[in-house]
Amino acid sequence: MLLPDKQAVRSVLIGATICGATAVFLCGLLLSRLYLPGLLGEWFSLMVGVLTSPFIMEFSLVILGFVLILGINTWRRHREGDEFRYLEQVAQPAGLPDHAQWAIYQDQPLAAPEMGTLDFAEGALAAGDFQELARLLSDLDQMELNQPDVIRLRIGLAEGTGKADLAAALREKLR
């Protein structure tokens, strides 16, 4: 035997509660006109009679349903937060599956920082792309080549290309 999931049962219970509350409200409205005294009772009886006449009753139920839907949706949106989402789409490199081309964020993602030559050089060293690292280091001037971060990259390049004596000399220069 298949049992319904909790979400389906919850949805049915909410719908039944709304329909039941509406029925109780309308029956209470019809019965309450009998127990109100004086002019208020007569006016209320006249208004219930007008509201339950053909076309007006259907229209009033449509308006009541519309107000209920708006109220429930407003309450849900207040509880769950804004539905607005940010969609990030990346350029498609070769071999990237379709589901990995985009990401959905509830909050606005941070702006990507500007990457300099040093950042690209660190990435080339981490990826083991020594040709690209050598090309990036060749674009730097002599002042930049003597900075500690660049010397560390040069040490990594020397070790990666098998030049241990150059790596040792750069380590001495770094100290």
C-alpha atoms as a PDB file:
ATOM      1  CA  MET A   1       0.000   0.000   0.000  1.00  0.00           C
ATOM      2  CA  LEU A   2       1.349   3.394  -0.989  1.00  0.00           C
ATOM      3  CA  LEU A   3       1.220   6.051   1.671  1.00  0.00           C
ATOM      4  CA  PRO A   4       1.118   9.723   0.684  1.00  0.00           C
ATOM      5  CA  ASP A   5       4.134  11.781   1.607  1.00  0.00           C
ATOM      6  CA  LYS A   6       3.992  14.322   4.418  1.00  0.00           C
ATOM      7  CA  GLN A   7       3.879  17.326   2.077  1.00  0.00           C
ATOM      8  CA  ALA A   8       0.786  16.001   0.276  1.00  0.00           C
ATOM      9  CA  VAL A   9      -1.006  15.259   3.553  1.00  0.00           C
ATOM     10  CA  ARG A  10      -0.072  18.697   4.856  1.00  0.00           C
ATOM     11  CA  SER A  11      -1.387  20.389   1.692  1.00  0.00           C
ATOM     12  CA  VAL A  12      -4.689  18.512   1.889  1.00  0.00           C
ATOM     13  CA  LEU A  13      -5.081  19.369   5.574  1.00  0.00           C
ATOM     14  CA  ILE A  14      -4.429  23.054   4.918  1.00  0.00           C
ATOM     15  CA  GLY A  15      -6.950  23.094   2.053  1.00  0.00           C
ATOM     16  CA  ALA A  16      -9.564  21.265   4.131  1.00  0.00           C
ATOM     17  CA  THR A  17      -9.007  23.668   7.022  1.00  0.00           C
ATOM     18  CA  ILE A  18      -9.511  26.669   4.766  1.00  0.00           C
ATOM     19  CA  CYS A  19     -12.696  25.197   3.246  1.00  0.00           C
ATOM     20  CA  GLY A  20     -14.016  24.233   6.691  1.00  0.00           C
ATOM     21  CA  ALA A  21     -13.275  27.662   8.147  1.00  0.00           C
ATOM     22  CA  THR A  22     -15.038  29.309   5.199  1.00  0.00           C
ATOM     23  CA  ALA A  23     -18.094  27.066   5.650  1.00  0.00           C
ATOM     24  CA  VAL A  24     -18.222  27.768   9.402  1.00  0.00           C
ATOM     25  CA  PHE A  25     -17.850  31.500   8.726  1.00  0.00           C
ATOM     26  CA  LEU A  26     -20.695  31.530   6.181  1.00  0.00           C
ATOM     27  CA  CYS A  27     -22.990  29.401   8.378  1.00  0.00           C
ATOM     28  CA  GLY A  28     -22.199  31.614  11.361  1.00  0.00           C
ATOM     29  CA  LEU A  29     -22.946  34.651   9.234  1.00  0.00           C
ATOM     30  CA  LEU A  30     -26.313  33.232   8.221  1.00  0.00           C
ATOM     31  CA  LEU A  31     -27.256  32.198  11.768  1.00  0.00           C
ATOM     32  CA  SER A  32     -25.970  35.311  13.523  1.00  0.00           C
ATOM     33  CA  ARG A  33     -28.483  37.550  11.773  1.00  0.00           C
ATOM     34  CA  LEU A  34     -31.236  35.828  13.747  1.00  0.00           C
ATOM     35  CA  TYR A  35     -29.709  36.705  17.121  1.00  0.00           C
ATOM     36  CA  LEU A  36     -28.688  40.325  16.646  1.00  0.00           C
ATOM     37  CA  PRO A  37     -31.154  42.745  18.265  1.00  0.00           C
ATOM     38  CA  GLY A  38     -32.903  45.773  16.790  1.00  0.00           C
ATOM     39  CA  LEU A  39     -31.770  47.854  13.858  1.00  0.00           C
ATOM     40  CA  LEU A  40     -28.369  46.132  13.713  1.00  0.00           C
ATOM     41  CA  GLY A  41     -30.099  42.743  13.333  1.00  0.00           C
ATOM     42  CA  GLU A  42     -32.350  44.040  10.545  1.00  0.00           C
ATOM     43  CA  TRP A  43     -29.454  45.701   8.708  1.00  0.00           C
ATOM     44  CA  PHE A  44     -27.302  42.599   9.087  1.00  0.00           C
ATOM     45  CA  SER A  45     -30.181  40.413   7.859  1.00  0.00           C
ATOM     46  CA  LEU A  46     -30.590  42.635   4.796  1.00  0.00           C
ATOM     47  CA  MET A  47     -26.819  42.550   4.029  1.00  0.00           C
ATOM     48  CA  VAL A  48     -26.668  38.740   4.384  1.00  0.00           C
ATOM     49  CA  GLY A  49     -29.670  38.476   2.073  1.00  0.00           C
ATOM     50  CA  VAL A  50     -27.988  40.690  -0.525  1.00  0.00           C
ATOM     51  CA  LEU A  51     -24.658  38.873  -0.231  1.00  0.00           C
ATOM     52  CA  THR A  52     -26.284  35.451  -0.647  1.00  0.00           C
ATOM     53  CA  SER A  53     -28.292  36.422  -3.720  1.00  0.00           C
ATOM     54  CA  PRO A  54     -27.228  34.912  -7.076  1.00  0.00           C
ATOM     55  CA  PHE A  55     -24.185  36.489  -8.780  1.00  0.00           C
ATOM     56  CA  ILE A  56     -23.327  38.588  -5.738  1.00  0.00           C
ATOM     57  CA  MET A  57     -22.627  35.500  -3.613  1.00  0.00           C
ATOM     58  CA  GLU A  58     -20.407  33.976  -6.296  1.00  0.00           C
ATOM     59  CA  PHE A  59     -18.567  37.250  -6.724  1.00  0.00           C
ATOM     60  CA  SER A  60     -18.132  37.662  -2.966  1.00  0.00           C
ATOM     61  CA  LEU A  61     -16.771  34.091  -2.692  1.00  0.00           C
ATOM     62  CA  VAL A  62     -14.318  34.824  -5.521  1.00  0.00           C
ATOM     63  CA  ILE A  63     -13.179  37.969  -3.709  1.00  0.00           C
ATOM     64  CA  LEU A  64     -12.917  36.028  -0.422  1.00  0.00           C
ATOM     65  CA  GLY A  65     -10.840  33.323  -2.147  1.00  0.00           C
ATOM     66  CA  PHE A  66      -8.615  35.941  -3.748  1.00  0.00           C
ATOM     67  CA  VAL A  67      -8.041  37.629  -0.382  1.00  0.00           C
ATOM     68  CA  LEU A  68      -7.251  34.238   1.198  1.00  0.00           C
ATOM     69  CA  ILE A  69      -4.731  33.388  -1.530  1.00  0.00           C
ATOM     70  CA  LEU A  70      -3.036  36.775  -1.211  1.00  0.00           C
ATOM     71  CA  GLY A  71      -2.933  36.471   2.565  1.00  0.00           C
ATOM     72  CA  ILE A  72      -1.464  32.962   2.520  1.00  0.00           C
ATOM     73  CA  ASN A  73       1.084  33.911  -0.123  1.00  0.00           C
ATOM     74  CA  THR A  74       2.124  37.021   1.826  1.00  0.00           C
ATOM     75  CA  TRP A  75       2.519  34.968   5.013  1.00  0.00           C
ATOM     76  CA  ARG A  76       4.561  32.317   3.154  1.00  0.00           C
ATOM     77  CA  ARG A  77       6.786  34.931   1.515  1.00  0.00           C
ATOM     78  CA  HIS A  78       7.355  36.602   4.882  1.00  0.00           C
ATOM     79  CA  ARG A  79       8.248  33.236   6.443  1.00  0.00           C
ATOM     80  CA  GLU A  80      10.464  31.873   3.610  1.00  0.00           C
ATOM     81  CA  GLY A  81      12.004  35.132   2.442  1.00  0.00           C
ATOM     82  CA  ASP A  82      12.250  36.712  -0.955  1.00  0.00           C
ATOM     83  CA  GLU A  83      11.976  34.473  -4.020  1.00  0.00           C
ATOM     84  CA  PHE A  84      14.535  36.519  -5.942  1.00  0.00           C
ATOM     85  CA  ARG A  85      17.686  34.525  -6.723  1.00  0.00           C
ATOM     86  CA  TYR A  86      20.931  35.351  -8.477  1.00  0.00           C
ATOM     87  CA  LEU A  87      21.940  33.134 -11.387  1.00  0.00           C
ATOM     88  CA  GLU A  88      25.619  32.931 -12.214  1.00  0.00           C
ATOM     89  CA  GLN A  89      26.597  31.364 -15.516  1.00  0.00           C
ATOM     90  CA  VAL A  90      30.162  30.489 -16.389  1.00  0.00           C
ATOM     91  CA  ALA A  91      31.796  30.388 -19.800  1.00  0.00           C
ATOM     92  CA  GLN A  92      31.735  26.862 -21.074  1.00  0.00           C
ATOM     93  CA  PRO A  93      35.178  25.273 -21.086  1.00  0.00           C
ATOM     94  CA  ALA A  94      35.598  22.005 -22.916  1.00  0.00           C
ATOM     95  CA  GLY A  95      34.151  19.010 -21.110  1.00  0.00           C
ATOM     96  CA  LEU A  96      32.089  20.942 -18.568  1.00  0.00           C
ATOM     97  CA  PRO A  97      28.756  19.157 -17.928  1.00  0.00           C
ATOM     98  CA  ASP A  98      25.543  21.119 -18.473  1.00  0.00           C
ATOM     99  CA  HIS A  99      24.553  21.123 -14.783  1.00  0.00           C
ATOM    100  CA  ALA A 100      27.909  22.671 -13.815  1.00  0.00           C
ATOM    101  CA  GLN A 101      27.515  25.725 -16.052  1.00  0.00           C
ATOM    102  CA  TRP A 102      25.357  27.674 -13.617  1.00  0.00           C
ATOM    103  CA  ALA A 103      24.867  28.248  -9.904  1.00  0.00           C
ATOM    104  CA  ILE A 104      21.954  29.771  -8.000  1.00  0.00           C
ATOM    105  CA  TYR A 105      22.593  32.036  -4.995  1.00  0.00           C
ATOM    106  CA  GLN A 106      20.052  33.410  -2.561  1.00  0.00           C
ATOM    107  CA  ASP A 107      22.304  36.349  -1.660  1.00  0.00           C
ATOM    108  CA  GLN A 108      24.144  38.442  -4.199  1.00  0.00           C
ATOM    109  CA  PRO A 109      27.572  36.929  -4.795  1.00  0.00           C
ATOM    110  CA  LEU A 110      30.617  39.016  -4.070  1.00  0.00           C
ATOM    111  CA  ALA A 111      32.250  40.749  -6.995  1.00  0.00           C
ATOM    112  CA  ALA A 112      35.303  38.931  -8.280  1.00  0.00           C
ATOM    113  CA  PRO A 113      38.498  40.769  -7.360  1.00  0.00           C
ATOM    114  CA  GLU A 114      40.797  42.004 -10.071  1.00  0.00           C
ATOM    115  CA  MET A 115      43.556  39.500 -10.648  1.00  0.00           C
ATOM    116  CA  GLY A 116      47.076  40.683 -11.329  1.00  0.00           C
ATOM    117  CA  THR A 117      50.061  39.015 -12.908  1.00  0.00           C
ATOM    118  CA  LEU A 118      51.181  37.663  -9.543  1.00  0.00           C
ATOM    119  CA  ASP A 119      47.827  35.927  -9.016  1.00  0.00           C
ATOM    120  CA  PHE A 120      48.007  34.281 -12.429  1.00  0.00           C
ATOM    121  CA  ALA A 121      51.600  33.249 -11.754  1.00  0.00           C
ATOM    122  CA  GLU A 122      50.614  31.606  -8.458  1.00  0.00           C
ATOM    123  CA  GLY A 123      47.861  29.736 -10.257  1.00  0.00           C
ATOM    124  CA  ALA A 124      50.252  28.579 -12.978  1.00  0.00           C
ATOM    125  CA  LEU A 125      52.677  27.297 -10.316  1.00  0.00           C
ATOM    126  CA  ALA A 126      49.882  25.480  -8.464  1.00  0.00           C
ATOM    127  CA  ALA A 127      48.740  23.893 -11.732  1.00  0.00           C
ATOM    128  CA  GLY A 128      52.285  22.921 -12.710  1.00  0.00           C
ATOM    129  CA  ASP A 129      52.205  25.029 -15.872  1.00  0.00           C
ATOM    130  CA  PHE A 130      55.873  26.078 -15.796  1.00  0.00           C
ATOM    131  CA  GLN A 131      55.883  27.521 -19.327  1.00  0.00           C
ATOM    132  CA  GLU A 132      53.084  29.935 -18.458  1.00  0.00           C
ATOM    133  CA  LEU A 133      54.788  30.756 -15.157  1.00  0.00           C
ATOM    134  CA  ALA A 134      58.046  31.541 -16.970  1.00  0.00           C
ATOM    135  CA  ARG A 135      56.168  33.727 -19.459  1.00  0.00           C
ATOM    136  CA  LEU A 136      54.405  35.631 -16.664  1.00  0.00           C
ATOM    137  CA  LEU A 137      57.649  36.127 -14.719  1.00  0.00           C
ATOM    138  CA  SER A 138      59.404  37.388 -17.843  1.00  0.00           C
ATOM    139  CA  ASP A 139      56.833  40.204 -18.074  1.00  0.00           C
ATOM    140  CA  LEU A 140      57.867  41.570 -14.649  1.00  0.00           C
ATOM    141  CA  ASP A 141      60.546  44.252 -14.273  1.00  0.00           C
ATOM    142  CA  GLN A 142      63.685  43.911 -12.143  1.00  0.00           C
ATOM    143  CA  MET A 143      62.155  45.605  -9.058  1.00  0.00           C
ATOM    144  CA  GLU A 144      59.209  43.213  -9.031  1.00  0.00           C
ATOM    145  CA  LEU A 145      61.462  40.164  -9.532  1.00  0.00           C
ATOM    146  CA  ASN A 146      63.219  40.913  -6.216  1.00  0.00           C
ATOM    147  CA  GLN A 147      60.029  40.978  -4.114  1.00  0.00           C
ATOM    148  CA  PRO A 148      59.682  38.040  -1.660  1.00  0.00           C
ATOM    149  CA  ASP A 149      56.453  36.696  -3.201  1.00  0.00           C
ATOM    150  CA  VAL A 150      57.982  36.684  -6.685  1.00  0.00           C
ATOM    151  CA  ILE A 151      61.176  35.052  -5.394  1.00  0.00           C
ATOM    152  CA  ARG A 152      59.042  32.237  -3.912  1.00  0.00           C
ATOM    153  CA  LEU A 153      57.434  31.762  -7.327  1.00  0.00           C
ATOM    154  CA  ARG A 154      60.863  31.722  -8.950  1.00  0.00           C
ATOM    155  CA  ILE A 155      62.006  29.081  -6.434  1.00  0.00           C
ATOM    156  CA  GLY A 156      58.955  26.963  -7.340  1.00  0.00           C
ATOM    157  CA  LEU A 157      59.736  27.376 -11.043  1.00  0.00           C
ATOM    158  CA  ALA A 158      63.392  26.406 -10.519  1.00  0.00           C
ATOM    159  CA  GLU A 159      62.435  23.318  -8.501  1.00  0.00           C
ATOM    160  CA  GLY A 160      59.760  22.350 -11.012  1.00  0.00           C
ATOM    161  CA  THR A 161      62.157  22.536 -13.934  1.00  0.00           C
ATOM    162  CA  GLY A 162      64.942  20.648 -12.142  1.00  0.00           C
ATOM    163  CA  LYS A 163      67.315  23.561 -11.447  1.00  0.00           C
ATOM    164  CA  ALA A 164      68.192  22.857  -7.821  1.00  0.00           C
ATOM    165  CA  ASP A 165      71.264  25.139  -7.785  1.00  0.00           C
ATOM    166  CA  LEU A 166      69.163  28.128  -8.937  1.00  0.00           C
ATOM    167  CA  ALA A 167      66.522  27.278  -6.309  1.00  0.00           C
ATOM    168  CA  ALA A 168      69.192  27.202  -3.582  1.00  0.00           C
ATOM    169  CA  ALA A 169      70.585  30.552  -4.736  1.00  0.00           C
ATOM    170  CA  LEU A 170      67.092  32.094  -4.686  1.00  0.00           C
ATOM    171  CA  ARG A 171      66.496  30.723  -1.173  1.00  0.00           C
ATOM    172  CA  GLU A 172      69.691  32.455  -0.024  1.00  0.00           C
ATOM    173  CA  LYS A 173      68.505  35.657  -1.671  1.00  0.00           C
ATOM    174  CA  LEU A 174      65.132  35.316   0.092  1.00  0.00           C
ATOM    175  CA  ARG A 175      66.839  35.108   3.524  1.00  0.00           C
END
